[in-house]
C-alpha cells in the first residue's frame, strides 16, 4: 500500500538537537542560553549571594547550614529558571525569620 506522506528517519543521537516534523511544525532552540531575570530576581540573586558569603564568616551550626542550603537552592533556581518560585521564597523567608538573631549578627558585622 503506497502512501503520499514522506517518511521520517532519525539515526544517531539527538542530544542537544532541535527539530520539528509535520507541515505546521515549529521548533525553537534555547540550548546554551541563560534565562532572563527581571529586576526583582536580579536583586534577590545578589542578596542571596551576599548572604551566603557572609555566612562563611560565622561559626558553622545546624542553623547556618540549613540557611546556606536554602540560599544555595534559591541561587540555583534563579540561575536556572530566571526566578525563584513562590514556594522557594516562602521557605527562605521562614528560615530567615527563624534565624533573625543570626541575620542581625550578619547585618551588624
C-alpha atoms as a PDB file:
ATOM      1  CA  UNK A   1       0.000   0.000   0.000  1.00  0.00           C
ATOM      2  CA  UNK A   2       1.585   3.278  -1.124  1.00  0.00           C
ATOM      3  CA  UNK A   3       1.295   6.464   0.893  1.00  0.00           C
ATOM      4  CA  UNK A   4       1.670  10.104  -0.159  1.00  0.00           C
ATOM      5  CA  UNK A   5       3.275  11.092   3.152  1.00  0.00           C
ATOM      6  CA  UNK A   6       7.057  11.238   3.320  1.00  0.00           C
ATOM      7  CA  UNK A   7       8.769   9.090   5.902  1.00  0.00           C
ATOM      8  CA  UNK A   8      10.973  10.418   8.664  1.00  0.00           C
ATOM      9  CA  UNK A   9      14.063   8.615   9.821  1.00  0.00           C
ATOM     10  CA  UNK A  10      16.391   9.744  12.578  1.00  0.00           C
ATOM     11  CA  UNK A  11      19.615   7.880  13.046  1.00  0.00           C
ATOM     12  CA  UNK A  12      22.278   8.581  15.614  1.00  0.00           C
ATOM     13  CA  UNK A  13      21.854  10.726  18.693  1.00  0.00           C
ATOM     14  CA  UNK A  14      19.631  13.742  19.019  1.00  0.00           C
ATOM     15  CA  UNK A  15      21.116  15.118  22.237  1.00  0.00           C
ATOM     16  CA  UNK A  16      21.203  18.919  22.102  1.00  0.00           C
ATOM     17  CA  UNK A  17      19.219  18.940  18.863  1.00  0.00           C
ATOM     18  CA  UNK A  18      16.007  20.698  17.993  1.00  0.00           C
ATOM     19  CA  UNK A  19      13.706  19.515  15.239  1.00  0.00           C
ATOM     20  CA  UNK A  20      10.068  19.607  14.213  1.00  0.00           C
ATOM     21  CA  UNK A  21       8.160  17.239  11.976  1.00  0.00           C
ATOM     22  CA  UNK A  22       4.961  17.959  10.094  1.00  0.00           C
ATOM     23  CA  UNK A  23       3.511  20.534   7.771  1.00  0.00           C
ATOM     24  CA  UNK A  24       2.788  23.053  10.546  1.00  0.00           C
ATOM     25  CA  UNK A  25       5.564  22.087  12.922  1.00  0.00           C
ATOM     26  CA  UNK A  26       7.615  24.737  14.688  1.00  0.00           C
ATOM     27  CA  UNK A  27      10.800  24.255  16.666  1.00  0.00           C
ATOM     28  CA  UNK A  28      12.744  26.690  18.820  1.00  0.00           C
ATOM     29  CA  UNK A  29      16.118  26.030  20.303  1.00  0.00           C
ATOM     30  CA  UNK A  30      17.301  27.656  23.502  1.00  0.00           C
ATOM     31  CA  UNK A  31      20.317  25.475  24.154  1.00  0.00           C
ATOM     32  CA  UNK A  32      23.050  27.294  25.970  1.00  0.00           C
ATOM     33  CA  UNK A  33      21.005  30.400  26.654  1.00  0.00           C
ATOM     34  CA  UNK A  34      20.511  31.799  30.122  1.00  0.00           C
ATOM     35  CA  UNK A  35      17.003  32.683  31.258  1.00  0.00           C
ATOM     36  CA  UNK A  36      16.127  36.340  31.524  1.00  0.00           C
ATOM     37  CA  UNK A  37      15.812  37.737  35.053  1.00  0.00           C
ATOM     38  CA  UNK A  38      13.724  40.741  35.991  1.00  0.00           C
ATOM     39  CA  UNK A  39      14.996  43.388  38.422  1.00  0.00           C
ATOM     40  CA  UNK A  40      13.418  41.677  41.441  1.00  0.00           C
ATOM     41  CA  UNK A  41      15.028  38.316  40.622  1.00  0.00           C
ATOM     42  CA  UNK A  42      18.367  40.010  39.996  1.00  0.00           C
ATOM     43  CA  UNK A  43      18.156  41.843  43.333  1.00  0.00           C
ATOM     44  CA  UNK A  44      17.231  38.617  45.143  1.00  0.00           C
ATOM     45  CA  UNK A  45      20.109  36.768  43.495  1.00  0.00           C
ATOM     46  CA  UNK A  46      22.540  39.478  44.600  1.00  0.00           C
ATOM     47  CA  UNK A  47      21.203  39.391  48.173  1.00  0.00           C
ATOM     48  CA  UNK A  48      21.340  35.584  48.281  1.00  0.00           C
ATOM     49  CA  UNK A  49      24.954  35.541  47.101  1.00  0.00           C
ATOM     50  CA  UNK A  50      25.975  38.241  49.573  1.00  0.00           C
ATOM     51  CA  UNK A  51      24.293  36.460  52.484  1.00  0.00           C
ATOM     52  CA  UNK A  52      25.943  33.162  51.530  1.00  0.00           C
ATOM     53  CA  UNK A  53      29.301  34.929  51.526  1.00  0.00           C
ATOM     54  CA  UNK A  54      28.535  36.471  54.924  1.00  0.00           C
ATOM     55  CA  UNK A  55      27.618  33.054  56.338  1.00  0.00           C
ATOM     56  CA  UNK A  56      31.149  31.796  55.649  1.00  0.00           C
ATOM     57  CA  UNK A  57      32.408  34.267  58.268  1.00  0.00           C
ATOM     58  CA  UNK A  58      30.247  32.780  61.032  1.00  0.00           C
ATOM     59  CA  UNK A  59      30.778  29.685  63.118  1.00  0.00           C
ATOM     60  CA  UNK A  60      29.040  26.783  61.385  1.00  0.00           C
ATOM     61  CA  UNK A  61      25.914  25.480  63.114  1.00  0.00           C
ATOM     62  CA  UNK A  62      22.917  23.425  62.043  1.00  0.00           C
ATOM     63  CA  UNK A  63      21.074  26.716  61.614  1.00  0.00           C
ATOM     64  CA  UNK A  64      23.726  28.258  59.334  1.00  0.00           C
ATOM     65  CA  UNK A  65      23.956  25.009  57.341  1.00  0.00           C
ATOM     66  CA  UNK A  66      20.182  24.923  56.788  1.00  0.00           C
ATOM     67  CA  UNK A  67      20.163  28.571  55.766  1.00  0.00           C
ATOM     68  CA  UNK A  68      23.116  28.078  53.414  1.00  0.00           C
ATOM     69  CA  UNK A  69      21.397  25.089  51.794  1.00  0.00           C
ATOM     70  CA  UNK A  70      18.211  27.098  51.249  1.00  0.00           C
ATOM     71  CA  UNK A  71      20.220  30.007  49.858  1.00  0.00           C
ATOM     72  CA  UNK A  72      22.147  27.684  47.512  1.00  0.00           C
ATOM     73  CA  UNK A  73      18.892  26.151  46.261  1.00  0.00           C
ATOM     74  CA  UNK A  74      17.413  29.611  45.727  1.00  0.00           C
ATOM     75  CA  UNK A  75      20.507  30.737  43.828  1.00  0.00           C
ATOM     76  CA  UNK A  76      20.388  27.626  41.634  1.00  0.00           C
ATOM     77  CA  UNK A  77      16.709  28.129  40.858  1.00  0.00           C
ATOM     78  CA  UNK A  78      17.214  31.776  39.890  1.00  0.00           C
ATOM     79  CA  UNK A  79      20.234  30.976  37.724  1.00  0.00           C
ATOM     80  CA  UNK A  80      18.456  28.028  36.075  1.00  0.00           C
ATOM     81  CA  UNK A  81      14.957  29.428  35.576  1.00  0.00           C
ATOM     82  CA  UNK A  82      15.374  33.191  35.886  1.00  0.00           C
ATOM     83  CA  UNK A  83      13.255  33.408  39.029  1.00  0.00           C
ATOM     84  CA  UNK A  84      12.639  31.927  42.451  1.00  0.00           C
ATOM     85  CA  UNK A  85       9.194  30.417  42.732  1.00  0.00           C
ATOM     86  CA  UNK A  86       6.778  31.408  45.491  1.00  0.00           C
ATOM     87  CA  UNK A  87       7.347  28.204  47.479  1.00  0.00           C
ATOM     88  CA  UNK A  88      11.104  28.705  47.407  1.00  0.00           C
ATOM     89  CA  UNK A  89      10.766  32.341  48.517  1.00  0.00           C
ATOM     90  CA  UNK A  90       8.362  31.399  51.320  1.00  0.00           C
ATOM     91  CA  UNK A  91      10.724  28.704  52.613  1.00  0.00           C
ATOM     92  CA  UNK A  92      13.654  31.107  52.520  1.00  0.00           C
ATOM     93  CA  UNK A  93      11.606  33.814  54.258  1.00  0.00           C
ATOM     94  CA  UNK A  94      10.617  31.347  57.018  1.00  0.00           C
ATOM     95  CA  UNK A  95      14.240  30.286  57.531  1.00  0.00           C
ATOM     96  CA  UNK A  96      15.335  33.921  57.708  1.00  0.00           C
ATOM     97  CA  UNK A  97      12.575  34.683  60.221  1.00  0.00           C
ATOM     98  CA  UNK A  98      13.684  31.705  62.319  1.00  0.00           C
ATOM     99  CA  UNK A  99      17.284  32.892  62.041  1.00  0.00           C
ATOM    100  CA  UNK A 100      16.575  36.525  62.931  1.00  0.00           C
ATOM    101  CA  UNK A 101      19.352  36.662  65.554  1.00  0.00           C
ATOM    102  CA  UNK A 102      21.789  35.234  63.010  1.00  0.00           C
ATOM    103  CA  UNK A 103      20.674  37.721  60.356  1.00  0.00           C
ATOM    104  CA  UNK A 104      21.054  40.552  62.876  1.00  0.00           C
ATOM    105  CA  UNK A 105      24.581  39.410  63.621  1.00  0.00           C
ATOM    106  CA  UNK A 106      25.469  39.328  59.928  1.00  0.00           C
ATOM    107  CA  UNK A 107      23.881  42.750  59.375  1.00  0.00           C
ATOM    108  CA  UNK A 108      25.781  44.316  62.251  1.00  0.00           C
ATOM    109  CA  UNK A 109      29.072  42.847  61.073  1.00  0.00           C
END
